[in-house]
Amino acid sequence: FHDDVTVHFVGGGYEWNVQGKAEYVANISASFSRES
């Protein structure tokens, strides 16, 4: 990812807006845990 990546995901019950590589990777880290 570019340091200034913009992320915008729209799902059935969510809309996810993230700005920046660090914030995006932190969110992925939380979502893709040992319980997923």
Full PDB file with SEQRES, HELIX, SHEET, SSBOND, CRYST1, ORIGX, SCALE, CONECT and MASTER records, all heavy atoms in Angstrom:
SEQRES   1 A   36  PHE HIS ASP ASP VAL THR VAL HIS PHE VAL GLY GLY GLY          
SEQRES   2 A   36  TYR GLU TRP ASN VAL GLN GLY LYS ALA GLU TYR VAL ALA          
SEQRES   3 A   36  ASN ILE SER ALA SER PHE SER ARG GLU SER                      
HELIX    1 AA1 LYS A   21  SER A   31  1                                  11    
SHEET    1 AA1 2 THR A   6  VAL A  10  0                                        
SHEET    2 AA1 2 GLU A  15  GLN A  19 -1                                        
CRYST1    1.000    1.000    1.000  90.00  90.00  90.00 P 1           1          
ORIGX1      1.000000  0.000000  0.000000        0.00000                         
ORIGX2      0.000000  1.000000  0.000000        0.00000                         
ORIGX3      0.000000  0.000000  1.000000        0.00000                         
SCALE1      1.000000  0.000000  0.000000        0.00000                         
SCALE2      0.000000  1.000000  0.000000        0.00000                         
SCALE3      0.000000  0.000000  1.000000        0.00000                         
ATOM      1  N   PHE A   1       0.808  -1.216   0.000  1.00  0.00           N  
ATOM      2  CA  PHE A   1       0.000   0.000   0.000  1.00  0.00           C  
ATOM      3  C   PHE A   1       0.843   1.269   0.000  1.00  0.00           C  
ATOM      4  O   PHE A   1       1.891   1.334   0.638  1.00  0.00           O  
ATOM      5  CB  PHE A   1      -0.910   0.038   1.235  1.00  0.00           C  
ATOM      6  CG  PHE A   1      -2.028  -0.951   1.172  1.00  0.00           C  
ATOM      7  CD1 PHE A   1      -1.926  -2.165   1.810  1.00  0.00           C  
ATOM      8  CD2 PHE A   1      -3.166  -0.669   0.451  1.00  0.00           C  
ATOM      9  CE1 PHE A   1      -2.946  -3.088   1.746  1.00  0.00           C  
ATOM     10  CE2 PHE A   1      -4.194  -1.578   0.374  1.00  0.00           C  
ATOM     11  CZ  PHE A   1      -4.078  -2.792   1.022  1.00  0.00           C  
ATOM     12  N   HIS A   2       0.332   2.274  -0.655  1.00  0.00           N  
ATOM     13  CA  HIS A   2       0.860   3.628  -0.571  1.00  0.00           C  
ATOM     14  C   HIS A   2       0.602   4.124   0.858  1.00  0.00           C  
ATOM     15  O   HIS A   2      -0.417   3.768   1.464  1.00  0.00           O  
ATOM     16  CB  HIS A   2       0.145   4.514  -1.607  1.00  0.00           C  
ATOM     17  CG  HIS A   2       0.773   5.830  -1.800  1.00  0.00           C  
ATOM     18  ND1 HIS A   2       0.543   6.890  -0.954  1.00  0.00           N  
ATOM     19  CD2 HIS A   2       1.627   6.278  -2.753  1.00  0.00           C  
ATOM     20  CE1 HIS A   2       1.223   7.935  -1.374  1.00  0.00           C  
ATOM     21  NE2 HIS A   2       1.896   7.594  -2.467  1.00  0.00           N  
ATOM     22  N   ASP A   3       1.482   4.940   1.401  1.00  0.00           N  
ATOM     23  CA  ASP A   3       1.293   5.457   2.759  1.00  0.00           C  
ATOM     24  C   ASP A   3      -0.046   6.163   2.925  1.00  0.00           C  
ATOM     25  O   ASP A   3      -0.653   6.115   3.988  1.00  0.00           O  
ATOM     26  CB  ASP A   3       2.422   6.419   3.141  1.00  0.00           C  
ATOM     27  CG  ASP A   3       3.741   5.707   3.378  1.00  0.00           C  
ATOM     28  OD1 ASP A   3       3.736   4.473   3.600  1.00  0.00           O  
ATOM     29  OD2 ASP A   3       4.785   6.383   3.341  1.00  0.00           O  
ATOM     30  N   ASP A   4      -0.512   6.836   1.871  1.00  0.00           N  
ATOM     31  CA  ASP A   4      -1.747   7.626   1.928  1.00  0.00           C  
ATOM     32  C   ASP A   4      -2.927   6.904   1.278  1.00  0.00           C  
ATOM     33  O   ASP A   4      -3.823   7.542   0.730  1.00  0.00           O  
ATOM     34  CB  ASP A   4      -1.539   8.971   1.241  1.00  0.00           C  
ATOM     35  CG  ASP A   4      -0.474   9.811   1.938  1.00  0.00           C  
ATOM     36  OD1 ASP A   4      -0.420   9.774   3.177  1.00  0.00           O  
ATOM     37  OD2 ASP A   4       0.304  10.481   1.237  1.00  0.00           O  
ATOM     38  N   VAL A   5      -2.961   5.570   1.361  1.00  0.00           N  
ATOM     39  CA  VAL A   5      -4.036   4.816   0.735  1.00  0.00           C  
ATOM     40  C   VAL A   5      -5.402   5.252   1.286  1.00  0.00           C  
ATOM     41  O   VAL A   5      -5.517   5.592   2.471  1.00  0.00           O  
ATOM     42  CB  VAL A   5      -3.840   3.292   0.929  1.00  0.00           C  
ATOM     43  CG1 VAL A   5      -3.943   2.882   2.390  1.00  0.00           C  
ATOM     44  CG2 VAL A   5      -4.808   2.497   0.071  1.00  0.00           C  
ATOM     45  N   THR A   6      -6.385   5.278   0.423  1.00  0.00           N  
ATOM     46  CA  THR A   6      -7.767   5.477   0.848  1.00  0.00           C  
ATOM     47  C   THR A   6      -8.520   4.185   0.593  1.00  0.00           C  
ATOM     48  O   THR A   6      -8.341   3.535  -0.440  1.00  0.00           O  
ATOM     49  CB  THR A   6      -8.463   6.637   0.105  1.00  0.00           C  
ATOM     50  OG1 THR A   6      -8.495   6.348  -1.296  1.00  0.00           O  
ATOM     51  CG2 THR A   6      -7.765   7.947   0.344  1.00  0.00           C  
ATOM     52  N   VAL A   7      -9.356   3.806   1.562  1.00  0.00           N  
ATOM     53  CA  VAL A   7     -10.113   2.564   1.503  1.00  0.00           C  
ATOM     54  C   VAL A   7     -11.576   2.890   1.760  1.00  0.00           C  
ATOM     55  O   VAL A   7     -11.894   3.594   2.726  1.00  0.00           O  
ATOM     56  CB  VAL A   7      -9.599   1.555   2.561  1.00  0.00           C  
ATOM     57  CG1 VAL A   7     -10.402   0.268   2.534  1.00  0.00           C  
ATOM     58  CG2 VAL A   7      -8.112   1.277   2.372  1.00  0.00           C  
ATOM     59  N   HIS A   8     -12.460   2.365   0.897  1.00  0.00           N  
ATOM     60  CA  HIS A   8     -13.894   2.566   1.076  1.00  0.00           C  
ATOM     61  C   HIS A   8     -14.606   1.281   0.658  1.00  0.00           C  
ATOM     62  O   HIS A   8     -14.676   0.964  -0.527  1.00  0.00           O  
ATOM     63  CB  HIS A   8     -14.381   3.754   0.230  1.00  0.00           C  
ATOM     64  CG  HIS A   8     -15.839   4.022   0.396  1.00  0.00           C  
ATOM     65  ND1 HIS A   8     -16.645   4.351  -0.658  1.00  0.00           N  
ATOM     66  CD2 HIS A   8     -16.630   3.996   1.486  1.00  0.00           C  
ATOM     67  CE1 HIS A   8     -17.870   4.534  -0.225  1.00  0.00           C  
ATOM     68  NE2 HIS A   8     -17.891   4.315   1.080  1.00  0.00           N  
ATOM     69  N   PHE A   9     -15.099   0.532   1.642  1.00  0.00           N  
ATOM     70  CA  PHE A   9     -15.780  -0.732   1.392  1.00  0.00           C  
ATOM     71  C   PHE A   9     -17.234  -0.614   1.840  1.00  0.00           C  
ATOM     72  O   PHE A   9     -17.500  -0.162   2.957  1.00  0.00           O  
ATOM     73  CB  PHE A   9     -15.118  -1.884   2.156  1.00  0.00           C  
ATOM     74  CG  PHE A   9     -13.697  -2.177   1.738  1.00  0.00           C  
ATOM     75  CD1 PHE A   9     -12.826  -2.771   2.630  1.00  0.00           C  
ATOM     76  CD2 PHE A   9     -13.217  -1.874   0.475  1.00  0.00           C  
ATOM     77  CE1 PHE A   9     -11.519  -3.081   2.272  1.00  0.00           C  
ATOM     78  CE2 PHE A   9     -11.912  -2.157   0.103  1.00  0.00           C  
ATOM     79  CZ  PHE A   9     -11.062  -2.765   0.999  1.00  0.00           C  
ATOM     80  N   VAL A  10     -18.153  -1.043   0.976  1.00  0.00           N  
ATOM     81  CA  VAL A  10     -19.578  -1.007   1.281  1.00  0.00           C  
ATOM     82  C   VAL A  10     -20.127  -2.420   1.211  1.00  0.00           C  
ATOM     83  O   VAL A  10     -20.068  -3.073   0.163  1.00  0.00           O  
ATOM     84  CB  VAL A  10     -20.344  -0.095   0.293  1.00  0.00           C  
ATOM     85  CG1 VAL A  10     -21.842  -0.108   0.603  1.00  0.00           C  
ATOM     86  CG2 VAL A  10     -19.797   1.320   0.329  1.00  0.00           C  
ATOM     87  N   GLY A  11     -20.622  -2.896   2.348  1.00  0.00           N  
ATOM     88  CA  GLY A  11     -21.221  -4.220   2.413  1.00  0.00           C  
ATOM     89  C   GLY A  11     -22.684  -4.134   2.770  1.00  0.00           C  
ATOM     90  O   GLY A  11     -23.262  -3.044   2.808  1.00  0.00           O  
ATOM     91  N   GLY A  12     -23.265  -5.284   3.062  1.00  0.00           N  
ATOM     92  CA  GLY A  12     -24.693  -5.339   3.367  1.00  0.00           C  
ATOM     93  C   GLY A  12     -25.084  -4.500   4.563  1.00  0.00           C  
ATOM     94  O   GLY A  12     -26.074  -3.782   4.535  1.00  0.00           O  
ATOM     95  N   GLY A  13     -24.299  -4.570   5.639  1.00  0.00           N  
ATOM     96  CA  GLY A  13     -24.629  -3.827   6.844  1.00  0.00           C  
ATOM     97  C   GLY A  13     -23.515  -2.928   7.321  1.00  0.00           C  
ATOM     98  O   GLY A  13     -23.476  -2.549   8.485  1.00  0.00           O  
ATOM     99  N   TYR A  14     -22.586  -2.591   6.453  1.00  0.00           N  
ATOM    100  CA  TYR A  14     -21.463  -1.775   6.883  1.00  0.00           C  
ATOM    101  C   TYR A  14     -20.964  -0.890   5.744  1.00  0.00           C  
ATOM    102  O   TYR A  14     -21.171  -1.168   4.569  1.00  0.00           O  
ATOM    103  CB  TYR A  14     -20.301  -2.650   7.382  1.00  0.00           C  
ATOM    104  CG  TYR A  14     -19.713  -3.557   6.312  1.00  0.00           C  
ATOM    105  CD1 TYR A  14     -18.676  -3.128   5.496  1.00  0.00           C  
ATOM    106  CD2 TYR A  14     -20.211  -4.836   6.113  1.00  0.00           C  
ATOM    107  CE1 TYR A  14     -18.149  -3.952   4.507  1.00  0.00           C  
ATOM    108  CE2 TYR A  14     -19.690  -5.664   5.139  1.00  0.00           C  
ATOM    109  CZ  TYR A  14     -18.662  -5.221   4.334  1.00  0.00           C  
ATOM    110  OH  TYR A  14     -18.152  -6.029   3.360  1.00  0.00           O  
ATOM    111  N   GLU A  15     -20.334   0.191   6.147  1.00  0.00           N  
ATOM    112  CA  GLU A  15     -19.581   1.044   5.231  1.00  0.00           C  
ATOM    113  C   GLU A  15     -18.298   1.392   5.976  1.00  0.00           C  
ATOM    114  O   GLU A  15     -18.338   1.935   7.076  1.00  0.00           O  
ATOM    115  CB  GLU A  15     -20.352   2.295   4.854  1.00  0.00           C  
ATOM    116  CG  GLU A  15     -19.619   3.133   3.850  1.00  0.00           C  
ATOM    117  CD  GLU A  15     -20.465   4.250   3.252  1.00  0.00           C  
ATOM    118  OE1 GLU A  15     -21.666   4.330   3.571  1.00  0.00           O  
ATOM    119  OE2 GLU A  15     -19.915   5.042   2.484  1.00  0.00           O  
ATOM    120  N   TRP A  16     -17.175   1.069   5.360  1.00  0.00           N  
ATOM    121  CA  TRP A  16     -15.881   1.177   6.022  1.00  0.00           C  
ATOM    122  C   TRP A  16     -15.017   2.165   5.257  1.00  0.00           C  
ATOM    123  O   TRP A  16     -14.706   1.939   4.089  1.00  0.00           O  
ATOM    124  CB  TRP A  16     -15.264  -0.223   6.054  1.00  0.00           C  
ATOM    125  CG  TRP A  16     -14.055  -0.386   6.899  1.00  0.00           C  
ATOM    126  CD1 TRP A  16     -13.787   0.199   8.092  1.00  0.00           C  
ATOM    127  CD2 TRP A  16     -12.947  -1.235   6.595  1.00  0.00           C  
ATOM    128  NE1 TRP A  16     -12.570  -0.238   8.562  1.00  0.00           N  
ATOM    129  CE2 TRP A  16     -12.044  -1.113   7.665  1.00  0.00           C  
ATOM    130  CE3 TRP A  16     -12.634  -2.077   5.541  1.00  0.00           C  
ATOM    131  CZ2 TRP A  16     -10.834  -1.803   7.695  1.00  0.00           C  
ATOM    132  CZ3 TRP A  16     -11.437  -2.766   5.578  1.00  0.00           C  
ATOM    133  CH2 TRP A  16     -10.556  -2.630   6.652  1.00  0.00           C  
ATOM    134  N   ASN A  17     -14.649   3.262   5.911  1.00  0.00           N  
ATOM    135  CA  ASN A  17     -13.771   4.276   5.333  1.00  0.00           C  
ATOM    136  C   ASN A  17     -12.502   4.340   6.170  1.00  0.00           C  
ATOM    137  O   ASN A  17     -12.569   4.535   7.381  1.00  0.00           O  
ATOM    138  CB  ASN A  17     -14.438   5.652   5.343  1.00  0.00           C  
ATOM    139  CG  ASN A  17     -15.537   5.755   4.327  1.00  0.00           C  
ATOM    140  OD1 ASN A  17     -15.288   5.730   3.134  1.00  0.00           O  
ATOM    141  ND2 ASN A  17     -16.776   5.834   4.802  1.00  0.00           N  
ATOM    142  N   VAL A  18     -11.356   4.171   5.512  1.00  0.00           N  
ATOM    143  CA  VAL A  18     -10.072   4.200   6.200  1.00  0.00           C  
ATOM    144  C   VAL A  18      -9.131   5.084   5.396  1.00  0.00           C  
ATOM    145  O   VAL A  18      -9.121   5.036   4.159  1.00  0.00           O  
ATOM    146  CB  VAL A  18      -9.482   2.771   6.331  1.00  0.00           C  
ATOM    147  CG1 VAL A  18      -8.103   2.800   6.951  1.00  0.00           C  
ATOM    148  CG2 VAL A  18     -10.409   1.880   7.134  1.00  0.00           C  
ATOM    149  N   GLN A  19      -8.326   5.861   6.090  1.00  0.00           N  
ATOM    150  CA  GLN A  19      -7.330   6.715   5.444  1.00  0.00           C  
ATOM    151  C   GLN A  19      -5.958   6.348   5.989  1.00  0.00           C  
ATOM    152  O   GLN A  19      -5.730   6.442   7.189  1.00  0.00           O  
ATOM    153  CB  GLN A  19      -7.628   8.198   5.714  1.00  0.00           C  
ATOM    154  CG  GLN A  19      -6.690   9.146   5.026  1.00  0.00           C  
ATOM    155  CD  GLN A  19      -6.822   9.120   3.504  1.00  0.00           C  
ATOM    156  OE1 GLN A  19      -7.926   9.138   2.980  1.00  0.00           O  
ATOM    157  NE2 GLN A  19      -5.713   9.060   2.796  1.00  0.00           N  
ATOM    158  N   GLY A  20      -5.070   5.917   5.107  1.00  0.00           N  
ATOM    159  CA  GLY A  20      -3.695   5.640   5.492  1.00  0.00           C  
ATOM    160  C   GLY A  20      -3.409   4.169   5.719  1.00  0.00           C  
ATOM    161  O   GLY A  20      -4.250   3.402   6.175  1.00  0.00           O  
ATOM    162  N   LYS A  21      -2.191   3.807   5.367  1.00  0.00           N  
ATOM    163  CA  LYS A  21      -1.744   2.416   5.453  1.00  0.00           C  
ATOM    164  C   LYS A  21      -1.790   1.885   6.885  1.00  0.00           C  
ATOM    165  O   LYS A  21      -2.255   0.767   7.119  1.00  0.00           O  
ATOM    166  CB  LYS A  21      -0.325   2.314   4.886  1.00  0.00           C  
ATOM    167  CG  LYS A  21       0.295   0.962   5.030  1.00  0.00           C  
ATOM    168  CD  LYS A  21       1.624   0.746   4.346  1.00  0.00           C  
ATOM    169  CE  LYS A  21       2.620   1.824   4.348  1.00  0.00           C  
ATOM    170  NZ  LYS A  21       3.875   1.452   3.651  1.00  0.00           N  
ATOM    171  N   ALA A  22      -1.313   2.645   7.853  1.00  0.00           N  
ATOM    172  CA  ALA A  22      -1.249   2.162   9.234  1.00  0.00           C  
ATOM    173  C   ALA A  22      -2.639   1.817   9.769  1.00  0.00           C  
ATOM    174  O   ALA A  22      -2.823   0.778  10.410  1.00  0.00           O  
ATOM    175  CB  ALA A  22      -0.566   3.201  10.135  1.00  0.00           C  
ATOM    176  N   GLU A  23      -3.615   2.677   9.499  1.00  0.00           N  
ATOM    177  CA  GLU A  23      -4.981   2.426   9.976  1.00  0.00           C  
ATOM    178  C   GLU A  23      -5.579   1.191   9.295  1.00  0.00           C  
ATOM    179  O   GLU A  23      -6.233   0.371   9.936  1.00  0.00           O  
ATOM    180  CB  GLU A  23      -5.865   3.646   9.731  1.00  0.00           C  
ATOM    181  CG  GLU A  23      -7.264   3.490  10.302  1.00  0.00           C  
ATOM    182  CD  GLU A  23      -8.152   4.706  10.088  1.00  0.00           C  
ATOM    183  OE1 GLU A  23      -7.667   5.747   9.607  1.00  0.00           O  
ATOM    184  OE2 GLU A  23      -9.345   4.595  10.402  1.00  0.00           O  
ATOM    185  N   TYR A  24      -5.319   1.044   8.003  1.00  0.00           N  
ATOM    186  CA  TYR A  24      -5.857  -0.110   7.284  1.00  0.00           C  
ATOM    187  C   TYR A  24      -5.265  -1.418   7.820  1.00  0.00           C  
ATOM    188  O   TYR A  24      -5.989  -2.365   8.118  1.00  0.00           O  
ATOM    189  CB  TYR A  24      -5.600   0.006   5.784  1.00  0.00           C  
ATOM    190  CG  TYR A  24      -6.139  -1.189   5.028  1.00  0.00           C  
ATOM    191  CD1 TYR A  24      -7.504  -1.356   4.855  1.00  0.00           C  
ATOM    192  CD2 TYR A  24      -5.290  -2.176   4.548  1.00  0.00           C  
ATOM    193  CE1 TYR A  24      -8.010  -2.464   4.212  1.00  0.00           C  
ATOM    194  CE2 TYR A  24      -5.785  -3.289   3.898  1.00  0.00           C  
ATOM    195  CZ  TYR A  24      -7.153  -3.429   3.731  1.00  0.00           C  
ATOM    196  OH  TYR A  24      -7.642  -4.536   3.106  1.00  0.00           O  
ATOM    197  N   VAL A  25      -3.954  -1.478   7.970  1.00  0.00           N  
ATOM    198  CA  VAL A  25      -3.300  -2.697   8.443  1.00  0.00           C  
ATOM    199  C   VAL A  25      -3.748  -3.018   9.873  1.00  0.00           C  
ATOM    200  O   VAL A  25      -3.966  -4.188  10.214  1.00  0.00           O  
ATOM    201  CB  VAL A  25      -1.764  -2.598   8.316  1.00  0.00           C  
ATOM    202  CG1 VAL A  25      -1.075  -3.775   8.983  1.00  0.00           C  
ATOM    203  CG2 VAL A  25      -1.366  -2.511   6.843  1.00  0.00           C  
ATOM    204  N   ALA A  26      -3.935  -2.013  10.703  1.00  0.00           N  
ATOM    205  CA  ALA A  26      -4.423  -2.245  12.066  1.00  0.00           C  
ATOM    206  C   ALA A  26      -5.813  -2.871  12.051  1.00  0.00           C  
ATOM    207  O   ALA A  26      -6.107  -3.783  12.837  1.00  0.00           O  
ATOM    208  CB  ALA A  26      -4.430  -0.943  12.862  1.00  0.00           C  
ATOM    209  N   ASN A  27      -6.667  -2.402  11.160  1.00  0.00           N  
ATOM    210  CA  ASN A  27      -8.015  -2.970  11.053  1.00  0.00           C  
ATOM    211  C   ASN A  27      -7.979  -4.414  10.565  1.00  0.00           C  
ATOM    212  O   ASN A  27      -8.728  -5.263  11.056  1.00  0.00           O  
ATOM    213  CB  ASN A  27      -8.876  -2.111  10.124  1.00  0.00           C  
ATOM    214  CG  ASN A  27      -9.453  -0.919  10.824  1.00  0.00           C  
ATOM    215  OD1 ASN A  27     -10.474  -1.022  11.488  1.00  0.00           O  
ATOM    216  ND2 ASN A  27      -8.815   0.228  10.685  1.00  0.00           N  
ATOM    217  N   ILE A  28      -7.126  -4.709   9.602  1.00  0.00           N  
ATOM    218  CA  ILE A  28      -6.993  -6.080   9.115  1.00  0.00           C  
ATOM    219  C   ILE A  28      -6.460  -6.978  10.232  1.00  0.00           C  
ATOM    220  O   ILE A  28      -6.932  -8.102  10.423  1.00  0.00           O  
ATOM    221  CB  ILE A  28      -6.091  -6.142   7.864  1.00  0.00           C  
ATOM    222  CG1 ILE A  28      -6.781  -5.472   6.679  1.00  0.00           C  
ATOM    223  CG2 ILE A  28      -5.705  -7.584   7.528  1.00  0.00           C  
ATOM    224  CD1 ILE A  28      -8.064  -6.133   6.222  1.00  0.00           C  
ATOM    225  N   SER A  29      -5.508  -6.486  10.994  1.00  0.00           N  
ATOM    226  CA  SER A  29      -4.952  -7.249  12.105  1.00  0.00           C  
ATOM    227  C   SER A  29      -6.042  -7.640  13.095  1.00  0.00           C  
ATOM    228  O   SER A  29      -6.070  -8.775  13.587  1.00  0.00           O  
ATOM    229  CB  SER A  29      -3.876  -6.432  12.816  1.00  0.00           C  
ATOM    230  OG  SER A  29      -3.417  -7.103  13.957  1.00  0.00           O  
ATOM    231  N   ALA A  30      -6.960  -6.731  13.371  1.00  0.00           N  
ATOM    232  CA  ALA A  30      -8.047  -7.017  14.305  1.00  0.00           C  
ATOM    233  C   ALA A  30      -9.051  -8.007  13.723  1.00  0.00           C  
ATOM    234  O   ALA A  30      -9.606  -8.840  14.440  1.00  0.00           O  
ATOM    235  CB  ALA A  30      -8.750  -5.718  14.695  1.00  0.00           C  
ATOM    236  N   SER A  31      -9.286  -7.939  12.429  1.00  0.00           N  
ATOM    237  CA  SER A  31     -10.299  -8.782  11.785  1.00  0.00           C  
ATOM    238  C   SER A  31      -9.821 -10.199  11.504  1.00  0.00           C  
ATOM    239  O   SER A  31     -10.599 -11.146  11.546  1.00  0.00           O  
ATOM    240  CB  SER A  31     -10.757  -8.145  10.474  1.00  0.00           C  
ATOM    241  OG  SER A  31     -11.367  -6.902  10.721  1.00  0.00           O  
ATOM    242  N   PHE A  32      -8.542 -10.359  11.171  1.00  0.00           N  
ATOM    243  CA  PHE A  32      -8.017 -11.666  10.779  1.00  0.00           C  
ATOM    244  C   PHE A  32      -7.203 -12.245  11.939  1.00  0.00           C  
ATOM    245  O   PHE A  32      -5.990 -12.383  11.877  1.00  0.00           O  
ATOM    246  CB  PHE A  32      -7.212 -11.553   9.485  1.00  0.00           C  
ATOM    247  CG  PHE A  32      -8.105 -11.334   8.305  1.00  0.00           C  
ATOM    248  CD1 PHE A  32      -8.632 -10.078   8.036  1.00  0.00           C  
ATOM    249  CD2 PHE A  32      -8.460 -12.390   7.488  1.00  0.00           C  
ATOM    250  CE1 PHE A  32      -9.490  -9.880   6.973  1.00  0.00           C  
ATOM    251  CE2 PHE A  32      -9.325 -12.201   6.412  1.00  0.00           C  
ATOM    252  CZ  PHE A  32      -9.839 -10.947   6.160  1.00  0.00           C  
ATOM    253  N   SER A  33      -7.929 -12.596  12.992  1.00  0.00           N  
ATOM    254  CA  SER A  33      -7.322 -13.107  14.213  1.00  0.00           C  
ATOM    255  C   SER A  33      -7.316 -14.636  14.206  1.00  0.00           C  
ATOM    256  O   SER A  33      -7.757 -15.275  13.248  1.00  0.00           O  
ATOM    257  CB  SER A  33      -8.116 -12.604  15.423  1.00  0.00           C  
ATOM    258  OG  SER A  33      -9.341 -13.322  15.531  1.00  0.00           O  
ATOM    259  N   ARG A  34      -6.883 -15.190  15.309  1.00  0.00           N  
ATOM    260  CA  ARG A  34      -6.884 -16.651  15.470  1.00  0.00           C  
ATOM    261  C   ARG A  34      -8.297 -17.216  15.502  1.00  0.00           C  
ATOM    262  O   ARG A  34      -8.475 -18.422  15.402  1.00  0.00           O  
ATOM    263  CB  ARG A  34      -6.132 -17.023  16.739  1.00  0.00           C  
ATOM    264  CG  ARG A  34      -4.659 -16.742  16.626  1.00  0.00           C  
ATOM    265  CD  ARG A  34      -3.885 -17.268  17.802  1.00  0.00           C  
ATOM    266  NE  ARG A  34      -2.468 -17.052  17.508  1.00  0.00           N  
ATOM    267  CZ  ARG A  34      -1.580 -16.676  18.401  1.00  0.00           C  
ATOM    268  NH1 ARG A  34      -1.935 -16.505  19.656  1.00  0.00           N  
ATOM    269  NH2 ARG A  34      -0.331 -16.490  18.050  1.00  0.00           N  
ATOM    270  N   GLU A  35      -9.288 -16.348  15.652  1.00  0.00           N  
ATOM    271  CA  GLU A  35     -10.687 -16.777  15.687  1.00  0.00           C  
ATOM    272  C   GLU A  35     -11.400 -16.510  14.361  1.00  0.00           C  
ATOM    273  O   GLU A  35     -12.614 -16.382  14.329  1.00  0.00           O  
ATOM    274  CB  GLU A  35     -11.422 -16.083  16.833  1.00  0.00           C  
ATOM    275  CG  GLU A  35     -11.040 -16.624  18.195  1.00  0.00           C  
ATOM    276  CD  GLU A  35     -11.477 -18.084  18.388  1.00  0.00           C  
ATOM    277  OE1 GLU A  35     -12.618 -18.431  18.021  1.00  0.00           O  
ATOM    278  OE2 GLU A  35     -10.665 -18.873  18.902  1.00  0.00           O  
ATOM    279  N   SER A  36     -10.633 -16.429  13.285  1.00  0.00           N  
ATOM    280  CA  SER A  36     -11.257 -16.213  11.982  1.00  0.00           C  
ATOM    281  C   SER A  36     -10.628 -17.112  10.926  1.00  0.00           C  
ATOM    282  O   SER A  36      -9.521 -17.612  11.093  1.00  0.00           O  
ATOM    283  CB  SER A  36     -11.158 -14.735  11.570  1.00  0.00           C  
ATOM    284  OG  SER A  36      -9.813 -14.334  11.479  1.00  0.00           O  
TER     285      SER A  36                                                      
MASTER        0    0    0    1    2    0    0    6  284    1    0    3          
END                                                                             
